[in-house]
Amino acid sequence: MVGENVTLVSSAEETAKDLYRKLAESGLERAADAGTPEHKFYATGDTRTFSALARRFLGPEVTAVENLTL
């Protein structure tokens, strides 16, 4: 329970709104007619471990993960 003068804030929603504003200010929004996006995933560690964890958060579309050496 929270008090009357307390406002709960969704950090995920506020972060998304802030990111959208910054992208819009920089002219980096994705065009509505741009088609289906292509996602690429890279990992500096074990790609199988990354894939398993990424699927938990991003869904089954995390398929091919490329290893990246820095």
PDB file of N, CA and C in Angstrom:
ATOM      1  N   MET A   1       0.839  -1.172   0.000  1.00  0.00           N
ATOM      2  CA  MET A   1       0.000   0.000   0.000  1.00  0.00           C
ATOM      3  C   MET A   1       0.882   1.232   0.000  1.00  0.00           C
ATOM      4  N   VAL A   2       0.388   2.231  -0.663  1.00  0.00           N
ATOM      5  CA  VAL A   2       1.106   3.498  -0.711  1.00  0.00           C
ATOM      6  C   VAL A   2       0.194   4.605  -0.218  1.00  0.00           C
ATOM      7  N   GLY A   3       0.801   5.687   0.188  1.00  0.00           N
ATOM      8  CA  GLY A   3       0.031   6.813   0.694  1.00  0.00           C
ATOM      9  C   GLY A   3      -0.690   7.567  -0.406  1.00  0.00           C
ATOM     10  N   GLU A   4      -1.540   8.490   0.001  1.00  0.00           N
ATOM     11  CA  GLU A   4      -2.342   9.269  -0.944  1.00  0.00           C
ATOM     12  C   GLU A   4      -1.482  10.120  -1.878  1.00  0.00           C
ATOM     13  N   ASN A   5      -0.368  10.600  -1.396  1.00  0.00           N
ATOM     14  CA  ASN A   5       0.469  11.506  -2.187  1.00  0.00           C
ATOM     15  C   ASN A   5       1.619  10.798  -2.898  1.00  0.00           C
ATOM     16  N   VAL A   6       1.494   9.483  -3.070  1.00  0.00           N
ATOM     17  CA  VAL A   6       2.538   8.702  -3.724  1.00  0.00           C
ATOM     18  C   VAL A   6       2.043   8.271  -5.098  1.00  0.00           C
ATOM     19  N   THR A   7       2.877   8.485  -6.105  1.00  0.00           N
ATOM     20  CA  THR A   7       2.544   8.067  -7.462  1.00  0.00           C
ATOM     21  C   THR A   7       3.465   6.924  -7.857  1.00  0.00           C
ATOM     22  N   LEU A   8       2.888   5.811  -8.263  1.00  0.00           N
ATOM     23  CA  LEU A   8       3.685   4.686  -8.737  1.00  0.00           C
ATOM     24  C   LEU A   8       4.068   4.945 -10.188  1.00  0.00           C
ATOM     25  N   VAL A   9       5.317   4.694 -10.503  1.00  0.00           N
ATOM     26  CA  VAL A   9       5.824   4.941 -11.847  1.00  0.00           C
ATOM     27  C   VAL A   9       6.378   3.632 -12.397  1.00  0.00           C
ATOM     28  N   SER A  10       5.991   3.304 -13.623  1.00  0.00           N
ATOM     29  CA  SER A  10       6.553   2.137 -14.301  1.00  0.00           C
ATOM     30  C   SER A  10       7.867   2.564 -14.942  1.00  0.00           C
ATOM     31  N   SER A  11       8.977   2.072 -14.422  1.00  0.00           N
ATOM     32  CA  SER A  11      10.271   2.475 -14.979  1.00  0.00           C
ATOM     33  C   SER A  11      10.412   2.012 -16.426  1.00  0.00           C
ATOM     34  N   ALA A  12       9.848   0.863 -16.765  1.00  0.00           N
ATOM     35  CA  ALA A  12       9.932   0.378 -18.146  1.00  0.00           C
ATOM     36  C   ALA A  12       9.187   1.316 -19.090  1.00  0.00           C
ATOM     37  N   GLU A  13       7.991   1.719 -18.714  1.00  0.00           N
ATOM     38  CA  GLU A  13       7.195   2.609 -19.563  1.00  0.00           C
ATOM     39  C   GLU A  13       7.860   3.973 -19.709  1.00  0.00           C
ATOM     40  N   GLU A  14       8.370   4.509 -18.617  1.00  0.00           N
ATOM     41  CA  GLU A  14       9.026   5.820 -18.670  1.00  0.00           C
ATOM     42  C   GLU A  14      10.310   5.765 -19.492  1.00  0.00           C
ATOM     43  N   THR A  15      11.044   4.670 -19.387  1.00  0.00           N
ATOM     44  CA  THR A  15      12.256   4.506 -20.187  1.00  0.00           C
ATOM     45  C   THR A  15      11.908   4.444 -21.668  1.00  0.00           C
ATOM     46  N   ALA A  16      10.863   3.704 -22.012  1.00  0.00           N
ATOM     47  CA  ALA A  16      10.433   3.603 -23.410  1.00  0.00           C
ATOM     48  C   ALA A  16      10.002   4.966 -23.945  1.00  0.00           C
ATOM     49  N   LYS A  17       9.258   5.723 -23.149  1.00  0.00           N
ATOM     50  CA  LYS A  17       8.823   7.060 -23.572  1.00  0.00           C
ATOM     51  C   LYS A  17      10.023   7.982 -23.785  1.00  0.00           C
ATOM     52  N   ASP A  18      10.984   7.920 -22.871  1.00  0.00           N
ATOM     53  CA  ASP A  18      12.172   8.766 -22.976  1.00  0.00           C
ATOM     54  C   ASP A  18      12.991   8.396 -24.210  1.00  0.00           C
ATOM     55  N   LEU A  19      13.146   7.112 -24.453  1.00  0.00           N
ATOM     56  CA  LEU A  19      13.878   6.665 -25.634  1.00  0.00           C
ATOM     57  C   LEU A  19      13.169   7.117 -26.904  1.00  0.00           C
ATOM     58  N   TYR A  20      11.848   6.996 -26.950  1.00  0.00           N
ATOM     59  CA  TYR A  20      11.092   7.441 -28.126  1.00  0.00           C
ATOM     60  C   TYR A  20      11.324   8.931 -28.375  1.00  0.00           C
ATOM     61  N   ARG A  21      11.266   9.740 -27.314  1.00  0.00           N
ATOM     62  CA  ARG A  21      11.490  11.185 -27.460  1.00  0.00           C
ATOM     63  C   ARG A  21      12.877  11.470 -28.030  1.00  0.00           C
ATOM     64  N   LYS A  22      13.880  10.779 -27.502  1.00  0.00           N
ATOM     65  CA  LYS A  22      15.250  11.004 -27.969  1.00  0.00           C
ATOM     66  C   LYS A  22      15.420  10.571 -29.427  1.00  0.00           C
ATOM     67  N   LEU A  23      14.824   9.451 -29.804  1.00  0.00           N
ATOM     68  CA  LEU A  23      14.897   9.011 -31.197  1.00  0.00           C
ATOM     69  C   LEU A  23      14.187   9.998 -32.113  1.00  0.00           C
ATOM     70  N   ALA A  24      13.020  10.487 -31.682  1.00  0.00           N
ATOM     71  CA  ALA A  24      12.259  11.451 -32.485  1.00  0.00           C
ATOM     72  C   ALA A  24      13.033  12.756 -32.646  1.00  0.00           C
ATOM     73  N   GLU A  25      13.642  13.226 -31.571  1.00  0.00           N
ATOM     74  CA  GLU A  25      14.424  14.464 -31.630  1.00  0.00           C
ATOM     75  C   GLU A  25      15.600  14.340 -32.595  1.00  0.00           C
ATOM     76  N   SER A  26      16.142  13.133 -32.715  1.00  0.00           N
ATOM     77  CA  SER A  26      17.298  12.905 -33.585  1.00  0.00           C
ATOM     78  C   SER A  26      16.894  12.479 -34.992  1.00  0.00           C
ATOM     79  N   GLY A  27      15.588  12.373 -35.239  1.00  0.00           N
ATOM     80  CA  GLY A  27      15.119  11.942 -36.554  1.00  0.00           C
ATOM     81  C   GLY A  27      15.396  10.482 -36.841  1.00  0.00           C
ATOM     82  N   LEU A  28      15.434   9.664 -35.802  1.00  0.00           N
ATOM     83  CA  LEU A  28      15.776   8.252 -35.961  1.00  0.00           C
ATOM     84  C   LEU A  28      14.586   7.310 -35.802  1.00  0.00           C
ATOM     85  N   GLU A  29      13.370   7.841 -35.905  1.00  0.00           N
ATOM     86  CA  GLU A  29      12.205   6.960 -35.789  1.00  0.00           C
ATOM     87  C   GLU A  29      12.144   6.039 -36.998  1.00  0.00           C
ATOM     88  N   ARG A  30      11.573   4.896 -36.793  1.00  0.00           N
ATOM     89  CA  ARG A  30      11.385   3.937 -37.882  1.00  0.00           C
ATOM     90  C   ARG A  30      10.170   4.358 -38.695  1.00  0.00           C
ATOM     91  N   ALA A  31      10.326   4.402 -40.000  1.00  0.00           N
ATOM     92  CA  ALA A  31       9.216   4.779 -40.879  1.00  0.00           C
ATOM     93  C   ALA A  31       8.110   3.730 -40.803  1.00  0.00           C
ATOM     94  N   ALA A  32       6.859   4.184 -40.815  1.00  0.00           N
ATOM     95  CA  ALA A  32       5.717   3.278 -40.706  1.00  0.00           C
ATOM     96  C   ALA A  32       5.672   2.284 -41.859  1.00  0.00           C
ATOM     97  N   ASP A  33       6.186   2.665 -43.016  1.00  0.00           N
ATOM     98  CA  ASP A  33       6.145   1.790 -44.188  1.00  0.00           C
ATOM     99  C   ASP A  33       7.481   1.075 -44.432  1.00  0.00           C
ATOM    100  N   ALA A  34       8.290   0.946 -43.389  1.00  0.00           N
ATOM    101  CA  ALA A  34       9.632   0.375 -43.537  1.00  0.00           C
ATOM    102  C   ALA A  34       9.637  -1.146 -43.678  1.00  0.00           C
ATOM    103  N   GLY A  35       8.498  -1.790 -43.497  1.00  0.00           N
ATOM    104  CA  GLY A  35       8.446  -3.244 -43.621  1.00  0.00           C
ATOM    105  C   GLY A  35       8.835  -3.941 -42.332  1.00  0.00           C
ATOM    106  N   THR A  36       9.037  -5.231 -42.437  1.00  0.00           N
ATOM    107  CA  THR A  36       9.363  -6.051 -41.273  1.00  0.00           C
ATOM    108  C   THR A  36      10.814  -5.812 -40.855  1.00  0.00           C
ATOM    109  N   PRO A  37      11.042  -5.525 -39.576  1.00  0.00           N
ATOM    110  CA  PRO A  37      12.419  -5.287 -39.130  1.00  0.00           C
ATOM    111  C   PRO A  37      13.233  -6.578 -39.111  1.00  0.00           C
ATOM    112  N   GLU A  38      14.526  -6.436 -39.253  1.00  0.00           N
ATOM    113  CA  GLU A  38      15.444  -7.567 -39.152  1.00  0.00           C
ATOM    114  C   GLU A  38      16.240  -7.398 -37.861  1.00  0.00           C
ATOM    115  N   HIS A  39      16.210  -8.422 -37.024  1.00  0.00           N
ATOM    116  CA  HIS A  39      16.928  -8.363 -35.756  1.00  0.00           C
ATOM    117  C   HIS A  39      18.194  -9.206 -35.857  1.00  0.00           C
ATOM    118  N   LYS A  40      19.291  -8.648 -35.363  1.00  0.00           N
ATOM    119  CA  LYS A  40      20.557  -9.371 -35.319  1.00  0.00           C
ATOM    120  C   LYS A  40      21.018  -9.395 -33.869  1.00  0.00           C
ATOM    121  N   PHE A  41      21.507 -10.541 -33.450  1.00  0.00           N
ATOM    122  CA  PHE A  41      21.937 -10.698 -32.067  1.00  0.00           C
ATOM    123  C   PHE A  41      23.404 -11.105 -32.041  1.00  0.00           C
ATOM    124  N   TYR A  42      24.148 -10.469 -31.150  1.00  0.00           N
ATOM    125  CA  TYR A  42      25.573 -10.730 -30.999  1.00  0.00           C
ATOM    126  C   TYR A  42      25.875 -10.962 -29.523  1.00  0.00           C
ATOM    127  N   ALA A  43      26.848 -11.821 -29.261  1.00  0.00           N
ATOM    128  CA  ALA A  43      27.258 -12.082 -27.884  1.00  0.00           C
ATOM    129  C   ALA A  43      28.774 -12.202 -27.835  1.00  0.00           C
ATOM    130  N   THR A  44      29.354 -11.678 -26.777  1.00  0.00           N
ATOM    131  CA  THR A  44      30.799 -11.814 -26.602  1.00  0.00           C
ATOM    132  C   THR A  44      31.138 -13.077 -25.827  1.00  0.00           C
ATOM    133  N   GLY A  45      30.135 -13.686 -25.236  1.00  0.00           N
ATOM    134  CA  GLY A  45      30.326 -14.925 -24.492  1.00  0.00           C
ATOM    135  C   GLY A  45      29.725 -16.099 -25.245  1.00  0.00           C
ATOM    136  N   ASP A  46      29.317 -17.091 -24.496  1.00  0.00           N
ATOM    137  CA  ASP A  46      28.739 -18.300 -25.073  1.00  0.00           C
ATOM    138  C   ASP A  46      27.405 -17.982 -25.748  1.00  0.00           C
ATOM    139  N   THR A  47      27.305 -18.262 -27.030  1.00  0.00           N
ATOM    140  CA  THR A  47      26.098 -17.909 -27.782  1.00  0.00           C
ATOM    141  C   THR A  47      24.889 -18.747 -27.373  1.00  0.00           C
ATOM    142  N   ARG A  48      25.112 -19.995 -26.963  1.00  0.00           N
ATOM    143  CA  ARG A  48      23.972 -20.828 -26.532  1.00  0.00           C
ATOM    144  C   ARG A  48      23.368 -20.296 -25.241  1.00  0.00           C
ATOM    145  N   THR A  49      24.207 -19.886 -24.320  1.00  0.00           N
ATOM    146  CA  THR A  49      23.713 -19.314 -23.066  1.00  0.00           C
ATOM    147  C   THR A  49      22.963 -18.022 -23.333  1.00  0.00           C
ATOM    148  N   PHE A  50      23.531 -17.176 -24.182  1.00  0.00           N
ATOM    149  CA  PHE A  50      22.864 -15.924 -24.531  1.00  0.00           C
ATOM    150  C   PHE A  50      21.507 -16.201 -25.164  1.00  0.00           C
ATOM    151  N   SER A  51      21.456 -17.132 -26.113  1.00  0.00           N
ATOM    152  CA  SER A  51      20.198 -17.457 -26.793  1.00  0.00           C
ATOM    153  C   SER A  51      19.134 -17.908 -25.809  1.00  0.00           C
ATOM    154  N   ALA A  52      19.506 -18.772 -24.888  1.00  0.00           N
ATOM    155  CA  ALA A  52      18.541 -19.282 -23.912  1.00  0.00           C
ATOM    156  C   ALA A  52      17.992 -18.158 -23.039  1.00  0.00           C
ATOM    157  N   LEU A  53      18.867 -17.277 -22.574  1.00  0.00           N
ATOM    158  CA  LEU A  53      18.414 -16.162 -21.739  1.00  0.00           C
ATOM    159  C   LEU A  53      17.618 -15.145 -22.547  1.00  0.00           C
ATOM    160  N   ALA A  54      18.071 -14.853 -23.749  1.00  0.00           N
ATOM    161  CA  ALA A  54      17.391 -13.867 -24.588  1.00  0.00           C
ATOM    162  C   ALA A  54      15.979 -14.316 -24.934  1.00  0.00           C
ATOM    163  N   ARG A  55      15.773 -15.604 -25.163  1.00  0.00           N
ATOM    164  CA  ARG A  55      14.431 -16.108 -25.480  1.00  0.00           C
ATOM    165  C   ARG A  55      13.466 -15.897 -24.323  1.00  0.00           C
ATOM    166  N   ARG A  56      13.983 -15.920 -23.116  1.00  0.00           N
ATOM    167  CA  ARG A  56      13.111 -15.696 -21.950  1.00  0.00           C
ATOM    168  C   ARG A  56      12.561 -14.275 -21.940  1.00  0.00           C
ATOM    169  N   PHE A  57      13.345 -13.324 -22.432  1.00  0.00           N
ATOM    170  CA  PHE A  57      12.939 -11.918 -22.392  1.00  0.00           C
ATOM    171  C   PHE A  57      12.377 -11.420 -23.723  1.00  0.00           C
ATOM    172  N   LEU A  58      12.906 -11.931 -24.829  1.00  0.00           N
ATOM    173  CA  LEU A  58      12.542 -11.403 -26.141  1.00  0.00           C
ATOM    174  C   LEU A  58      11.649 -12.329 -26.949  1.00  0.00           C
ATOM    175  N   GLY A  59      11.529 -13.573 -26.521  1.00  0.00           N
ATOM    176  CA  GLY A  59      10.667 -14.514 -27.226  1.00  0.00           C
ATOM    177  C   GLY A  59      11.437 -15.410 -28.185  1.00  0.00           C
ATOM    178  N   PRO A  60      10.696 -16.286 -28.841  1.00  0.00           N
ATOM    179  CA  PRO A  60      11.326 -17.310 -29.686  1.00  0.00           C
ATOM    180  C   PRO A  60      11.989 -16.779 -30.950  1.00  0.00           C
ATOM    181  N   GLU A  61      11.806 -15.480 -31.254  1.00  0.00           N
ATOM    182  CA  GLU A  61      12.424 -14.942 -32.466  1.00  0.00           C
ATOM    183  C   GLU A  61      13.939 -14.807 -32.354  1.00  0.00           C
ATOM    184  N   VAL A  62      14.495 -15.055 -31.168  1.00  0.00           N
ATOM    185  CA  VAL A  62      15.953 -15.040 -31.012  1.00  0.00           C
ATOM    186  C   VAL A  62      16.464 -16.376 -31.539  1.00  0.00           C
ATOM    187  N   THR A  63      16.950 -16.358 -32.754  1.00  0.00           N
ATOM    188  CA  THR A  63      17.406 -17.607 -33.360  1.00  0.00           C
ATOM    189  C   THR A  63      18.917 -17.588 -33.498  1.00  0.00           C
ATOM    190  N   ALA A  64      19.420 -17.057 -34.566  1.00  0.00           N
ATOM    191  CA  ALA A  64      20.861 -17.059 -34.800  1.00  0.00           C
ATOM    192  C   ALA A  64      21.539 -15.960 -33.984  1.00  0.00           C
ATOM    193  N   VAL A  65      22.535 -16.357 -33.224  1.00  0.00           N
ATOM    194  CA  VAL A  65      23.334 -15.407 -32.448  1.00  0.00           C
ATOM    195  C   VAL A  65      24.779 -15.563 -32.908  1.00  0.00           C
ATOM    196  N   GLU A  66      25.381 -14.458 -33.282  1.00  0.00           N
ATOM    197  CA  GLU A  66      26.767 -14.488 -33.742  1.00  0.00           C
ATOM    198  C   GLU A  66      27.705 -14.141 -32.599  1.00  0.00           C
ATOM    199  N   ASN A  67      28.842 -14.835 -32.560  1.00  0.00           N
ATOM    200  CA  ASN A  67      29.849 -14.534 -31.559  1.00  0.00           C
ATOM    201  C   ASN A  67      30.642 -13.326 -32.016  1.00  0.00           C
ATOM    202  N   LEU A  68      30.903 -12.437 -31.083  1.00  0.00           N
ATOM    203  CA  LEU A  68      31.602 -11.195 -31.379  1.00  0.00           C
ATOM    204  C   LEU A  68      32.827 -11.101 -30.483  1.00  0.00           C
ATOM    205  N   THR A  69      33.979 -10.887 -31.069  1.00  0.00           N
ATOM    206  CA  THR A  69      35.210 -10.717 -30.309  1.00  0.00           C
ATOM    207  C   THR A  69      35.554  -9.240 -30.270  1.00  0.00           C
ATOM    208  N   LEU A  70      35.726  -8.724 -29.069  1.00  0.00           N
ATOM    209  CA  LEU A  70      36.066  -7.305 -28.916  1.00  0.00           C
ATOM    210  C   LEU A  70      37.557  -7.124 -28.785  1.00  0.00           C
TER     211      LEU A  70
END
